């Protein structure tokens, strides 16, 4: 007999979420490597800071936001109180 586990009985966000706040900063610019048309700061005319609640965010999304769009990204656990944090 096959045992069935009901995923609704477990808090899956708690399972896949980070346990501590993490901040990711864009790497330093190298000559000719930046594409200003894709950078969030070029579009918004200011540095952009995104706060993301981690409920299983994929690493490729983090890389895209930080390396391509060049935003400051703060990732917080699913149960983190971000009401006092500053972000765009």
PDB file of N, CA and C in Angstrom:
ATOM      1  N   UNK A   1       0.843  -1.179   0.000  1.00  0.00           N
ATOM      2  CA  UNK A   1       0.000   0.000   0.000  1.00  0.00           C
ATOM      3  C   UNK A   1       0.892   1.248   0.000  1.00  0.00           C
ATOM      4  N   UNK A   2       0.453   2.244  -0.709  1.00  0.00           N
ATOM      5  CA  UNK A   2       1.194   3.500  -0.830  1.00  0.00           C
ATOM      6  C   UNK A   2       0.694   4.498   0.212  1.00  0.00           C
ATOM      7  N   UNK A   3       1.627   5.062   0.981  1.00  0.00           N
ATOM      8  CA  UNK A   3       1.243   6.021   2.022  1.00  0.00           C
ATOM      9  C   UNK A   3       1.160   7.418   1.420  1.00  0.00           C
ATOM     10  N   UNK A   4       0.039   8.090   1.599  1.00  0.00           N
ATOM     11  CA  UNK A   4      -0.182   9.432   1.081  1.00  0.00           C
ATOM     12  C   UNK A   4       0.080  10.457   2.182  1.00  0.00           C
ATOM     13  N   UNK A   5       0.900  11.459   1.875  1.00  0.00           N
ATOM     14  CA  UNK A   5       1.167  12.542   2.807  1.00  0.00           C
ATOM     15  C   UNK A   5       0.464  13.793   2.301  1.00  0.00           C
ATOM     16  N   UNK A   6      -0.376  14.362   3.126  1.00  0.00           N
ATOM     17  CA  UNK A   6      -1.120  15.559   2.731  1.00  0.00           C
ATOM     18  C   UNK A   6      -0.233  16.788   2.919  1.00  0.00           C
ATOM     19  N   UNK A   7       0.179  17.472   1.834  1.00  0.00           N
ATOM     20  CA  UNK A   7       1.050  18.639   1.960  1.00  0.00           C
ATOM     21  C   UNK A   7       0.372  19.829   2.638  1.00  0.00           C
ATOM     22  N   UNK A   8      -0.949  19.813   2.708  1.00  0.00           N
ATOM     23  CA  UNK A   8      -1.671  20.900   3.355  1.00  0.00           C
ATOM     24  C   UNK A   8      -1.531  20.887   4.875  1.00  0.00           C
ATOM     25  N   UNK A   9      -1.000  19.808   5.406  1.00  0.00           N
ATOM     26  CA  UNK A   9      -0.819  19.725   6.855  1.00  0.00           C
ATOM     27  C   UNK A   9       0.509  20.311   7.311  1.00  0.00           C
ATOM     28  N   UNK A  10       1.353  20.682   6.360  1.00  0.00           N
ATOM     29  CA  UNK A  10       2.683  21.211   6.665  1.00  0.00           C
ATOM     30  C   UNK A  10       2.799  22.635   6.124  1.00  0.00           C
ATOM     31  N   UNK A  11       3.485  23.509   6.849  1.00  0.00           N
ATOM     32  CA  UNK A  11       3.724  24.872   6.393  1.00  0.00           C
ATOM     33  C   UNK A  11       4.890  24.844   5.408  1.00  0.00           C
ATOM     34  N   UNK A  12       4.572  24.771   4.122  1.00  0.00           N
ATOM     35  CA  UNK A  12       5.612  24.625   3.105  1.00  0.00           C
ATOM     36  C   UNK A  12       6.458  25.882   2.965  1.00  0.00           C
ATOM     37  N   UNK A  13       5.891  27.049   3.238  1.00  0.00           N
ATOM     38  CA  UNK A  13       6.685  28.286   3.194  1.00  0.00           C
ATOM     39  C   UNK A  13       7.812  28.231   4.215  1.00  0.00           C
ATOM     40  N   UNK A  14       7.529  27.706   5.384  1.00  0.00           N
ATOM     41  CA  UNK A  14       8.561  27.593   6.416  1.00  0.00           C
ATOM     42  C   UNK A  14       9.651  26.609   6.016  1.00  0.00           C
ATOM     43  N   UNK A  15       9.300  25.619   5.239  1.00  0.00           N
ATOM     44  CA  UNK A  15      10.265  24.607   4.812  1.00  0.00           C
ATOM     45  C   UNK A  15      11.243  25.183   3.794  1.00  0.00           C
ATOM     46  N   UNK A  16      10.752  25.978   2.835  1.00  0.00           N
ATOM     47  CA  UNK A  16      11.590  26.447   1.731  1.00  0.00           C
ATOM     48  C   UNK A  16      12.184  27.830   1.957  1.00  0.00           C
ATOM     49  N   UNK A  17      11.745  28.539   2.978  1.00  0.00           N
ATOM     50  CA  UNK A  17      12.187  29.917   3.215  1.00  0.00           C
ATOM     51  C   UNK A  17      13.554  29.976   3.888  1.00  0.00           C
ATOM     52  N   UNK A  18      14.264  31.072   3.645  1.00  0.00           N
ATOM     53  CA  UNK A  18      15.507  31.318   4.377  1.00  0.00           C
ATOM     54  C   UNK A  18      15.172  31.505   5.854  1.00  0.00           C
ATOM     55  N   UNK A  19      16.178  31.317   6.703  1.00  0.00           N
ATOM     56  CA  UNK A  19      15.937  31.475   8.132  1.00  0.00           C
ATOM     57  C   UNK A  19      16.420  32.827   8.649  1.00  0.00           C
ATOM     58  N   UNK A  20      17.167  33.568   7.830  1.00  0.00           N
ATOM     59  CA  UNK A  20      17.677  34.873   8.246  1.00  0.00           C
ATOM     60  C   UNK A  20      17.618  35.845   7.069  1.00  0.00           C
ATOM     61  N   UNK A  21      17.595  37.111   7.393  1.00  0.00           N
ATOM     62  CA  UNK A  21      17.589  38.172   6.383  1.00  0.00           C
ATOM     63  C   UNK A  21      18.917  38.158   5.626  1.00  0.00           C
ATOM     64  N   UNK A  22      18.854  38.340   4.305  1.00  0.00           N
ATOM     65  CA  UNK A  22      20.053  38.419   3.468  1.00  0.00           C
ATOM     66  C   UNK A  22      19.938  39.621   2.548  1.00  0.00           C
ATOM     67  N   UNK A  23      21.058  40.330   2.357  1.00  0.00           N
ATOM     68  CA  UNK A  23      21.090  41.485   1.463  1.00  0.00           C
ATOM     69  C   UNK A  23      22.055  41.178   0.323  1.00  0.00           C
ATOM     70  N   UNK A  24      21.596  41.418  -0.900  1.00  0.00           N
ATOM     71  CA  UNK A  24      22.408  41.214  -2.098  1.00  0.00           C
ATOM     72  C   UNK A  24      22.621  42.562  -2.767  1.00  0.00           C
ATOM     73  N   UNK A  25      23.881  42.879  -3.064  1.00  0.00           N
ATOM     74  CA  UNK A  25      24.228  44.131  -3.730  1.00  0.00           C
ATOM     75  C   UNK A  25      24.746  43.837  -5.127  1.00  0.00           C
ATOM     76  N   UNK A  26      24.471  44.733  -6.092  1.00  0.00           N
ATOM     77  CA  UNK A  26      25.000  44.508  -7.437  1.00  0.00           C
ATOM     78  C   UNK A  26      26.520  44.515  -7.425  1.00  0.00           C
ATOM     79  N   UNK A  27      27.140  43.719  -8.266  1.00  0.00           N
ATOM     80  CA  UNK A  27      28.605  43.709  -8.339  1.00  0.00           C
ATOM     81  C   UNK A  27      29.109  45.021  -8.934  1.00  0.00           C
ATOM     82  N   UNK A  28      30.383  45.345  -8.713  1.00  0.00           N
ATOM     83  CA  UNK A  28      30.938  46.561  -9.318  1.00  0.00           C
ATOM     84  C   UNK A  28      30.864  46.482 -10.843  1.00  0.00           C
ATOM     85  N   UNK A  29      30.659  47.635 -11.452  1.00  0.00           N
ATOM     86  CA  UNK A  29      30.582  47.689 -12.915  1.00  0.00           C
ATOM     87  C   UNK A  29      31.950  47.487 -13.535  1.00  0.00           C
ATOM     88  N   UNK A  30      31.981  46.716 -14.600  1.00  0.00           N
ATOM     89  CA  UNK A  30      33.191  46.567 -15.396  1.00  0.00           C
ATOM     90  C   UNK A  30      32.959  47.324 -16.692  1.00  0.00           C
ATOM     91  N   UNK A  31      34.016  47.857 -17.281  1.00  0.00           N
ATOM     92  CA  UNK A  31      33.887  48.631 -18.510  1.00  0.00           C
ATOM     93  C   UNK A  31      33.199  47.823 -19.603  1.00  0.00           C
ATOM     94  N   UNK A  32      32.131  48.396 -20.153  1.00  0.00           N
ATOM     95  CA  UNK A  32      31.443  47.785 -21.281  1.00  0.00           C
ATOM     96  C   UNK A  32      30.519  46.643 -20.940  1.00  0.00           C
ATOM     97  N   UNK A  33      30.377  46.292 -19.664  1.00  0.00           N
ATOM     98  CA  UNK A  33      29.550  45.142 -19.302  1.00  0.00           C
ATOM     99  C   UNK A  33      28.108  45.525 -18.986  1.00  0.00           C
ATOM    100  N   UNK A  34      27.874  46.769 -18.659  1.00  0.00           N
ATOM    101  CA  UNK A  34      26.534  47.171 -18.243  1.00  0.00           C
ATOM    102  C   UNK A  34      25.650  47.453 -19.451  1.00  0.00           C
ATOM    103  N   UNK A  35      24.385  47.180 -19.310  1.00  0.00           N
ATOM    104  CA  UNK A  35      23.388  47.539 -20.298  1.00  0.00           C
ATOM    105  C   UNK A  35      22.436  48.520 -19.625  1.00  0.00           C
ATOM    106  N   UNK A  36      22.686  49.833 -19.761  1.00  0.00           N
ATOM    107  CA  UNK A  36      21.905  50.822 -19.028  1.00  0.00           C
ATOM    108  C   UNK A  36      20.416  50.772 -19.325  1.00  0.00           C
ATOM    109  N   UNK A  37      20.027  50.242 -20.471  1.00  0.00           N
ATOM    110  CA  UNK A  37      18.607  50.171 -20.798  1.00  0.00           C
ATOM    111  C   UNK A  37      17.869  49.172 -19.919  1.00  0.00           C
ATOM    112  N   UNK A  38      18.593  48.219 -19.338  1.00  0.00           N
ATOM    113  CA  UNK A  38      17.967  47.211 -18.484  1.00  0.00           C
ATOM    114  C   UNK A  38      18.073  47.544 -17.003  1.00  0.00           C
ATOM    115  N   UNK A  39      18.949  48.457 -16.640  1.00  0.00           N
ATOM    116  CA  UNK A  39      19.155  48.742 -15.224  1.00  0.00           C
ATOM    117  C   UNK A  39      17.950  49.471 -14.636  1.00  0.00           C
ATOM    118  N   UNK A  40      17.505  49.006 -13.491  1.00  0.00           N
ATOM    119  CA  UNK A  40      16.354  49.613 -12.830  1.00  0.00           C
ATOM    120  C   UNK A  40      16.639  51.061 -12.445  1.00  0.00           C
ATOM    121  N   UNK A  41      17.883  51.363 -12.078  1.00  0.00           N
ATOM    122  CA  UNK A  41      18.214  52.734 -11.672  1.00  0.00           C
ATOM    123  C   UNK A  41      18.114  53.700 -12.849  1.00  0.00           C
ATOM    124  N   UNK A  42      18.375  53.222 -14.064  1.00  0.00           N
ATOM    125  CA  UNK A  42      18.243  54.076 -15.244  1.00  0.00           C
ATOM    126  C   UNK A  42      16.779  54.378 -15.532  1.00  0.00           C
ATOM    127  N   UNK A  43      15.939  53.423 -15.303  1.00  0.00           N
ATOM    128  CA  UNK A  43      14.510  53.597 -15.563  1.00  0.00           C
ATOM    129  C   UNK A  43      13.864  54.443 -14.473  1.00  0.00           C
ATOM    130  N   UNK A  44      14.220  54.189 -13.211  1.00  0.00           N
ATOM    131  CA  UNK A  44      13.603  54.888 -12.081  1.00  0.00           C
ATOM    132  C   UNK A  44      14.311  56.189 -11.732  1.00  0.00           C
ATOM    133  N   UNK A  45      15.466  56.447 -12.324  1.00  0.00           N
ATOM    134  CA  UNK A  45      16.277  57.635 -12.025  1.00  0.00           C
ATOM    135  C   UNK A  45      16.712  57.699 -10.565  1.00  0.00           C
ATOM    136  N   UNK A  46      16.895  56.548  -9.946  1.00  0.00           N
ATOM    137  CA  UNK A  46      17.408  56.456  -8.576  1.00  0.00           C
ATOM    138  C   UNK A  46      17.829  55.016  -8.329  1.00  0.00           C
ATOM    139  N   UNK A  47      18.587  54.794  -7.260  1.00  0.00           N
ATOM    140  CA  UNK A  47      18.922  53.424  -6.871  1.00  0.00           C
ATOM    141  C   UNK A  47      17.649  52.737  -6.387  1.00  0.00           C
ATOM    142  N   UNK A  48      17.499  51.487  -6.745  1.00  0.00           N
ATOM    143  CA  UNK A  48      16.284  50.744  -6.424  1.00  0.00           C
ATOM    144  C   UNK A  48      16.606  49.681  -5.385  1.00  0.00           C
ATOM    145  N   UNK A  49      15.756  49.608  -4.358  1.00  0.00           N
ATOM    146  CA  UNK A  49      15.902  48.603  -3.301  1.00  0.00           C
ATOM    147  C   UNK A  49      14.607  47.804  -3.238  1.00  0.00           C
ATOM    148  N   UNK A  50      14.723  46.505  -3.487  1.00  0.00           N
ATOM    149  CA  UNK A  50      13.569  45.604  -3.453  1.00  0.00           C
ATOM    150  C   UNK A  50      13.678  44.718  -2.228  1.00  0.00           C
ATOM    151  N   UNK A  51      12.571  44.567  -1.520  1.00  0.00           N
ATOM    152  CA  UNK A  51      12.486  43.612  -0.421  1.00  0.00           C
ATOM    153  C   UNK A  51      11.590  42.474  -0.890  1.00  0.00           C
ATOM    154  N   UNK A  52      12.096  41.257  -0.832  1.00  0.00           N
ATOM    155  CA  UNK A  52      11.333  40.082  -1.262  1.00  0.00           C
ATOM    156  C   UNK A  52      11.135  39.142  -0.082  1.00  0.00           C
ATOM    157  N   UNK A  53       9.914  38.698   0.097  1.00  0.00           N
ATOM    158  CA  UNK A  53       9.601  37.710   1.127  1.00  0.00           C
ATOM    159  C   UNK A  53       9.839  36.336   0.513  1.00  0.00           C
ATOM    160  N   UNK A  54      10.739  35.583   1.113  1.00  0.00           N
ATOM    161  CA  UNK A  54      11.151  34.297   0.559  1.00  0.00           C
ATOM    162  C   UNK A  54      10.144  33.204   0.913  1.00  0.00           C
ATOM    163  N   UNK A  55       9.381  32.814  -0.096  1.00  0.00           N
ATOM    164  CA  UNK A  55       8.477  31.662   0.042  1.00  0.00           C
ATOM    165  C   UNK A  55       8.890  30.596  -0.960  1.00  0.00           C
ATOM    166  N   UNK A  56      10.205  30.559  -1.245  1.00  0.00           N
ATOM    167  CA  UNK A  56      10.738  29.606  -2.197  1.00  0.00           C
ATOM    168  C   UNK A  56      11.249  30.287  -3.455  1.00  0.00           C
ATOM    169  N   UNK A  57      11.759  31.511  -3.338  1.00  0.00           N
ATOM    170  CA  UNK A  57      12.256  32.257  -4.487  1.00  0.00           C
ATOM    171  C   UNK A  57      13.397  31.478  -5.156  1.00  0.00           C
ATOM    172  N   UNK A  58      13.416  31.486  -6.460  1.00  0.00           N
ATOM    173  CA  UNK A  58      14.439  30.765  -7.220  1.00  0.00           C
ATOM    174  C   UNK A  58      15.706  31.606  -7.306  1.00  0.00           C
ATOM    175  N   UNK A  59      16.859  30.950  -7.279  1.00  0.00           N
ATOM    176  CA  UNK A  59      18.141  31.654  -7.343  1.00  0.00           C
ATOM    177  C   UNK A  59      18.311  32.447  -8.631  1.00  0.00           C
ATOM    178  N   UNK A  60      17.722  31.979  -9.724  1.00  0.00           N
ATOM    179  CA  UNK A  60      17.832  32.698 -10.979  1.00  0.00           C
ATOM    180  C   UNK A  60      17.115  34.053 -10.913  1.00  0.00           C
ATOM    181  N   UNK A  61      16.043  34.143 -10.166  1.00  0.00           N
ATOM    182  CA  UNK A  61      15.348  35.421  -9.972  1.00  0.00           C
ATOM    183  C   UNK A  61      16.251  36.377  -9.202  1.00  0.00           C
ATOM    184  N   UNK A  62      16.926  35.875  -8.184  1.00  0.00           N
ATOM    185  CA  UNK A  62      17.853  36.695  -7.401  1.00  0.00           C
ATOM    186  C   UNK A  62      18.975  37.202  -8.301  1.00  0.00           C
ATOM    187  N   UNK A  63      19.564  36.309  -9.091  1.00  0.00           N
ATOM    188  CA  UNK A  63      20.650  36.707  -9.997  1.00  0.00           C
ATOM    189  C   UNK A  63      20.191  37.754 -11.001  1.00  0.00           C
ATOM    190  N   UNK A  64      19.009  37.593 -11.558  1.00  0.00           N
ATOM    191  CA  UNK A  64      18.497  38.547 -12.533  1.00  0.00           C
ATOM    192  C   UNK A  64      18.301  39.924 -11.907  1.00  0.00           C
ATOM    193  N   UNK A  65      17.671  39.967 -10.746  1.00  0.00           N
ATOM    194  CA  UNK A  65      17.424  41.248 -10.085  1.00  0.00           C
ATOM    195  C   UNK A  65      18.724  41.963  -9.726  1.00  0.00           C
ATOM    196  N   UNK A  66      19.691  41.219  -9.214  1.00  0.00           N
ATOM    197  CA  UNK A  66      20.932  41.828  -8.720  1.00  0.00           C
ATOM    198  C   UNK A  66      21.934  42.077  -9.846  1.00  0.00           C
ATOM    199  N   UNK A  67      22.152  41.104 -10.718  1.00  0.00           N
ATOM    200  CA  UNK A  67      23.201  41.221 -11.723  1.00  0.00           C
ATOM    201  C   UNK A  67      22.762  41.912 -13.009  1.00  0.00           C
ATOM    202  N   UNK A  68      21.513  41.755 -13.413  1.00  0.00           N
ATOM    203  CA  UNK A  68      21.042  42.339 -14.666  1.00  0.00           C
ATOM    204  C   UNK A  68      20.340  43.678 -14.402  1.00  0.00           C
ATOM    205  N   UNK A  69      19.343  43.659 -13.528  1.00  0.00           N
ATOM    206  CA  UNK A  69      18.638  44.909 -13.217  1.00  0.00           C
ATOM    207  C   UNK A  69      19.420  45.796 -12.259  1.00  0.00           C
ATOM    208  N   UNK A  70      20.419  45.208 -11.580  1.00  0.00           N
ATOM    209  CA  UNK A  70      21.332  45.925 -10.694  1.00  0.00           C
ATOM    210  C   UNK A  70      20.601  46.649  -9.559  1.00  0.00           C
ATOM    211  N   UNK A  71      19.717  45.925  -8.884  1.00  0.00           N
ATOM    212  CA  UNK A  71      19.015  46.473  -7.731  1.00  0.00           C
ATOM    213  C   UNK A  71      19.629  45.920  -6.451  1.00  0.00           C
ATOM    214  N   UNK A  72      19.453  46.638  -5.373  1.00  0.00           N
ATOM    215  CA  UNK A  72      19.776  46.101  -4.050  1.00  0.00           C
ATOM    216  C   UNK A  72      18.581  45.236  -3.656  1.00  0.00           C
ATOM    217  N   UNK A  73      18.847  44.000  -3.299  1.00  0.00           N
ATOM    218  CA  UNK A  73      17.780  43.056  -2.979  1.00  0.00           C
ATOM    219  C   UNK A  73      17.943  42.572  -1.547  1.00  0.00           C
ATOM    220  N   UNK A  74      16.889  42.727  -0.776  1.00  0.00           N
ATOM    221  CA  UNK A  74      16.864  42.195   0.583  1.00  0.00           C
ATOM    222  C   UNK A  74      15.857  41.056   0.604  1.00  0.00           C
ATOM    223  N   UNK A  75      16.330  39.862   0.990  1.00  0.00           N
ATOM    224  CA  UNK A  75      15.457  38.703   1.124  1.00  0.00           C
ATOM    225  C   UNK A  75      15.200  38.438   2.596  1.00  0.00           C
ATOM    226  N   UNK A  76      13.938  38.266   2.929  1.00  0.00           N
ATOM    227  CA  UNK A  76      13.582  38.015   4.323  1.00  0.00           C
ATOM    228  C   UNK A  76      12.783  36.718   4.403  1.00  0.00           C
ATOM    229  N   UNK A  77      12.834  36.051   5.560  1.00  0.00           N
ATOM    230  CA  UNK A  77      12.055  34.825   5.739  1.00  0.00           C
ATOM    231  C   UNK A  77      10.554  35.108   5.641  1.00  0.00           C
ATOM    232  N   UNK A  78       9.795  34.064   5.444  1.00  0.00           N
ATOM    233  CA  UNK A  78       8.349  34.182   5.249  1.00  0.00           C
ATOM    234  C   UNK A  78       7.641  34.829   6.443  1.00  0.00           C
ATOM    235  N   UNK A  79       8.195  34.687   7.649  1.00  0.00           N
ATOM    236  CA  UNK A  79       7.533  35.202   8.850  1.00  0.00           C
ATOM    237  C   UNK A  79       8.202  36.470   9.403  1.00  0.00           C
ATOM    238  N   UNK A  80       9.018  37.128   8.607  1.00  0.00           N
ATOM    239  CA  UNK A  80       9.772  38.314   9.025  1.00  0.00           C
ATOM    240  C   UNK A  80       8.856  39.536   9.035  1.00  0.00           C
ATOM    241  N   UNK A  81       8.950  40.364  10.070  1.00  0.00           N
ATOM    242  CA  UNK A  81       8.177  41.608  10.137  1.00  0.00           C
ATOM    243  C   UNK A  81       8.955  42.695   9.410  1.00  0.00           C
ATOM    244  N   UNK A  82       8.565  43.002   8.187  1.00  0.00           N
ATOM    245  CA  UNK A  82       9.279  43.985   7.379  1.00  0.00           C
ATOM    246  C   UNK A  82       8.596  45.357   7.393  1.00  0.00           C
ATOM    247  N   UNK A  83       7.668  45.559   8.296  1.00  0.00           N
ATOM    248  CA  UNK A  83       6.924  46.825   8.322  1.00  0.00           C
ATOM    249  C   UNK A  83       7.801  48.035   8.657  1.00  0.00           C
ATOM    250  N   UNK A  84       8.940  47.811   9.299  1.00  0.00           N
ATOM    251  CA  UNK A  84       9.832  48.932   9.644  1.00  0.00           C
ATOM    252  C   UNK A  84      11.015  49.042   8.678  1.00  0.00           C
ATOM    253  N   UNK A  85      11.086  48.174   7.675  1.00  0.00           N
ATOM    254  CA  UNK A  85      12.166  48.200   6.697  1.00  0.00           C
ATOM    255  C   UNK A  85      11.885  49.285   5.655  1.00  0.00           C
ATOM    256  N   UNK A  86      12.971  49.829   5.072  1.00  0.00           N
ATOM    257  CA  UNK A  86      12.833  50.799   3.991  1.00  0.00           C
ATOM    258  C   UNK A  86      13.169  50.114   2.674  1.00  0.00           C
ATOM    259  N   UNK A  87      12.270  50.244   1.697  1.00  0.00           N
ATOM    260  CA  UNK A  87      12.472  49.650   0.381  1.00  0.00           C
ATOM    261  C   UNK A  87      11.546  50.362  -0.604  1.00  0.00           C
ATOM    262  N   UNK A  88      11.783  50.116  -1.884  1.00  0.00           N
ATOM    263  CA  UNK A  88      10.958  50.758  -2.925  1.00  0.00           C
ATOM    264  C   UNK A  88       9.743  49.904  -3.255  1.00  0.00           C
TER     265      UNK A  88
END
